[in-house]
Amino acid sequence: MICLIQRVTQAKVEVNSKAIAIIGPGLVVLTAFQPNDNLTSIQKMAHKLLNYRVFADENDKMNLNIQQANGQLLLVPQFTLAATTQSGLRPSFSSAAAPDIAENLFGEFVKTCTQNYALVKTGKFGADMQVSLTNNGPVTFWLET
């Protein structure tokens, strides 16, 4: 499982020119699944995501997690993160989970995150989404299970 997280001041996901998710300060989490991912991967990533310290404390040090900062999460499925790009000039997606499996895993990931934190919004699996955000810092991290 791969998550690219970006600390943001605001973000929005649109589908067919309509906003389906809008957040203020928090994290945008672009998420991809690989063939061996399962519920254990999801639980480990959700725990890491909710406890990863990327927000500034009173001394301007990255010591606070999303919950302590009272930030919002925007979970966005993005299978292209699982692409193989080491050779050639075109990405291969053979290292990504099959769409039906990935959709179920994304649903479980959303469920796990929302059971542990209330401030969660999502993009739409399989949709042509337009994601806009203002990266705060910029702060971006690549997380894997």
Protein backbone atom coordinates (compact mmCIF):
# COMPACT_ATOMS: atom_id res chain seq x y z
CA MET A 1 0.00 0.00 0.00
CA ILE A 2 1.27 3.42 -0.95
CA CYS A 3 0.15 6.80 0.36
CA LEU A 4 1.54 10.11 -0.82
CA ILE A 5 0.57 12.61 1.86
CA GLN A 6 0.62 16.36 1.45
CA ARG A 7 0.08 18.82 4.28
CA VAL A 8 -2.36 21.41 2.95
CA THR A 9 -4.09 24.63 3.93
CA GLN A 10 -7.04 23.63 1.73
CA ALA A 11 -8.01 21.07 -0.91
CA LYS A 12 -10.90 20.12 -3.15
CA VAL A 13 -11.95 17.20 -5.34
CA GLU A 14 -14.29 17.80 -8.26
CA VAL A 15 -16.05 15.26 -10.48
CA ASN A 16 -17.93 16.53 -13.54
CA SER A 17 -17.26 20.12 -12.45
CA LYS A 18 -18.97 19.57 -9.08
CA ALA A 19 -17.12 19.64 -5.76
CA ILE A 20 -17.53 16.30 -3.99
CA ALA A 21 -15.07 16.96 -1.16
CA ILE A 22 -13.58 20.11 0.32
CA ILE A 23 -11.25 20.37 3.32
CA GLY A 24 -9.46 23.11 5.16
CA PRO A 25 -6.11 22.55 6.89
CA GLY A 26 -5.09 18.91 6.96
CA LEU A 27 -3.73 16.18 4.73
CA VAL A 28 -4.45 15.12 1.19
CA VAL A 29 -3.72 11.40 0.96
CA LEU A 30 -3.25 9.97 -2.53
CA THR A 31 -3.66 6.21 -2.14
CA ALA A 32 -2.69 3.20 -4.27
CA PHE A 33 -2.96 -0.51 -3.65
CA GLN A 34 -0.72 -3.34 -4.78
CA PRO A 35 -1.63 -7.01 -5.31
CA ASN A 36 -0.46 -8.21 -1.87
CA ASP A 37 -2.28 -5.52 0.11
CA ASN A 38 -4.92 -6.66 2.58
CA LEU A 39 -6.73 -5.61 5.76
CA THR A 40 -3.49 -5.78 7.73
CA SER A 41 -1.86 -3.32 5.29
CA ILE A 42 -4.86 -1.02 5.65
CA GLN A 43 -4.80 -1.09 9.44
CA LYS A 44 -1.04 -0.40 9.55
CA MET A 45 -1.35 2.49 7.09
CA ALA A 46 -4.37 4.01 8.84
CA HIS A 47 -2.52 3.90 12.16
CA LYS A 48 0.58 5.45 10.62
CA LEU A 49 -1.42 8.11 8.80
CA LEU A 50 -3.39 9.16 11.87
CA ASN A 51 -0.28 9.28 14.05
CA TYR A 52 2.37 10.59 11.64
CA ARG A 53 3.70 13.86 13.06
CA VAL A 54 3.78 16.45 10.27
CA PHE A 55 2.12 19.44 11.92
CA ALA A 56 3.98 22.14 13.83
CA ASP A 57 3.85 22.42 17.60
CA GLU A 58 4.26 25.65 19.58
CA ASN A 59 8.01 25.57 18.80
CA ASP A 60 7.40 25.19 15.05
CA LYS A 61 8.66 21.58 15.09
CA MET A 62 6.84 18.74 13.33
CA ASN A 63 5.57 17.08 16.52
CA LEU A 64 1.79 16.95 16.07
CA ASN A 65 -0.27 14.40 14.19
CA ILE A 66 -3.48 15.10 12.27
CA GLN A 67 -5.63 14.38 15.32
CA GLN A 68 -3.64 16.67 17.63
CA ALA A 69 -3.75 19.41 14.98
CA ASN A 70 -7.50 18.86 14.49
CA GLY A 71 -6.88 18.72 10.73
CA GLN A 72 -9.01 17.12 8.06
CA LEU A 73 -8.14 14.14 5.87
CA LEU A 74 -8.95 13.92 2.19
CA LEU A 75 -8.45 10.36 0.94
CA VAL A 76 -8.08 10.14 -2.84
CA PRO A 77 -7.67 6.86 -4.74
CA GLN A 78 -4.82 7.13 -7.26
CA PHE A 79 -3.70 3.85 -8.81
CA THR A 80 -0.93 5.56 -10.80
CA LEU A 81 1.20 5.70 -7.63
CA ALA A 82 1.66 1.94 -7.97
CA ALA A 83 3.08 2.21 -11.50
CA THR A 84 6.38 0.68 -12.44
CA THR A 85 8.51 3.40 -14.00
CA GLN A 86 12.07 2.07 -13.89
CA SER A 87 12.34 1.19 -17.56
CA GLY A 88 10.97 2.51 -20.81
CA LEU A 89 9.05 5.67 -21.50
CA ARG A 90 5.58 4.50 -20.53
CA PRO A 91 4.42 3.47 -17.05
CA SER A 92 3.31 -0.09 -16.43
CA PHE A 93 0.42 -0.73 -14.06
CA SER A 94 1.00 -4.45 -13.59
CA SER A 95 2.21 -3.70 -10.06
CA ALA A 96 -1.14 -2.13 -9.11
CA ALA A 97 -3.99 -4.14 -7.59
CA ALA A 98 -6.79 -5.05 -9.97
CA PRO A 99 -9.50 -2.34 -10.03
CA ASP A 100 -12.20 -4.40 -8.30
CA ILE A 101 -9.80 -5.43 -5.53
CA ALA A 102 -8.42 -1.90 -5.17
CA GLU A 103 -11.93 -0.47 -4.94
CA ASN A 104 -12.77 -2.83 -2.07
CA LEU A 105 -9.48 -2.04 -0.34
CA PHE A 106 -10.07 1.69 -0.71
CA GLY A 107 -13.52 1.27 0.84
CA GLU A 108 -11.96 -0.60 3.77
CA PHE A 109 -9.29 2.08 4.13
CA VAL A 110 -11.93 4.83 4.27
CA LYS A 111 -13.94 2.79 6.77
CA THR A 112 -10.90 2.17 8.99
CA CYS A 113 -9.87 5.83 8.94
CA THR A 114 -13.40 7.11 9.68
CA GLN A 115 -13.81 4.63 12.55
CA ASN A 116 -10.71 6.13 14.13
CA TYR A 117 -11.09 9.79 13.14
CA ALA A 118 -14.19 11.79 12.29
CA LEU A 119 -12.75 14.45 9.97
CA VAL A 120 -12.41 12.34 6.80
CA LYS A 121 -13.60 13.10 3.27
CA THR A 122 -12.93 11.18 0.07
CA GLY A 123 -12.54 11.33 -3.64
CA LYS A 124 -14.47 8.89 -5.83
CA PHE A 125 -12.93 5.60 -6.90
CA GLY A 126 -12.69 5.21 -10.68
CA ALA A 127 -13.86 8.76 -11.41
CA ASP A 128 -12.04 11.35 -13.48
CA MET A 129 -11.25 13.67 -10.59
CA GLN A 130 -9.77 17.13 -10.54
CA VAL A 131 -7.83 17.59 -7.33
CA SER A 132 -6.70 21.04 -6.30
CA LEU A 133 -4.75 21.88 -3.19
CA THR A 134 -2.47 24.36 -1.54
CA ASN A 135 0.51 22.44 -0.19
CA ASN A 136 1.56 23.93 3.15
CA GLY A 137 5.33 24.11 3.48
CA PRO A 138 5.55 22.41 1.04
CA VAL A 139 5.37 19.20 3.06
CA THR A 140 5.02 15.91 1.19
CA PHE A 141 5.83 12.35 2.32
CA TRP A 142 5.72 8.94 0.65
CA LEU A 143 4.43 6.22 3.01
CA GLU A 144 4.42 2.48 2.30
CA THR A 145 3.38 -0.59 4.24
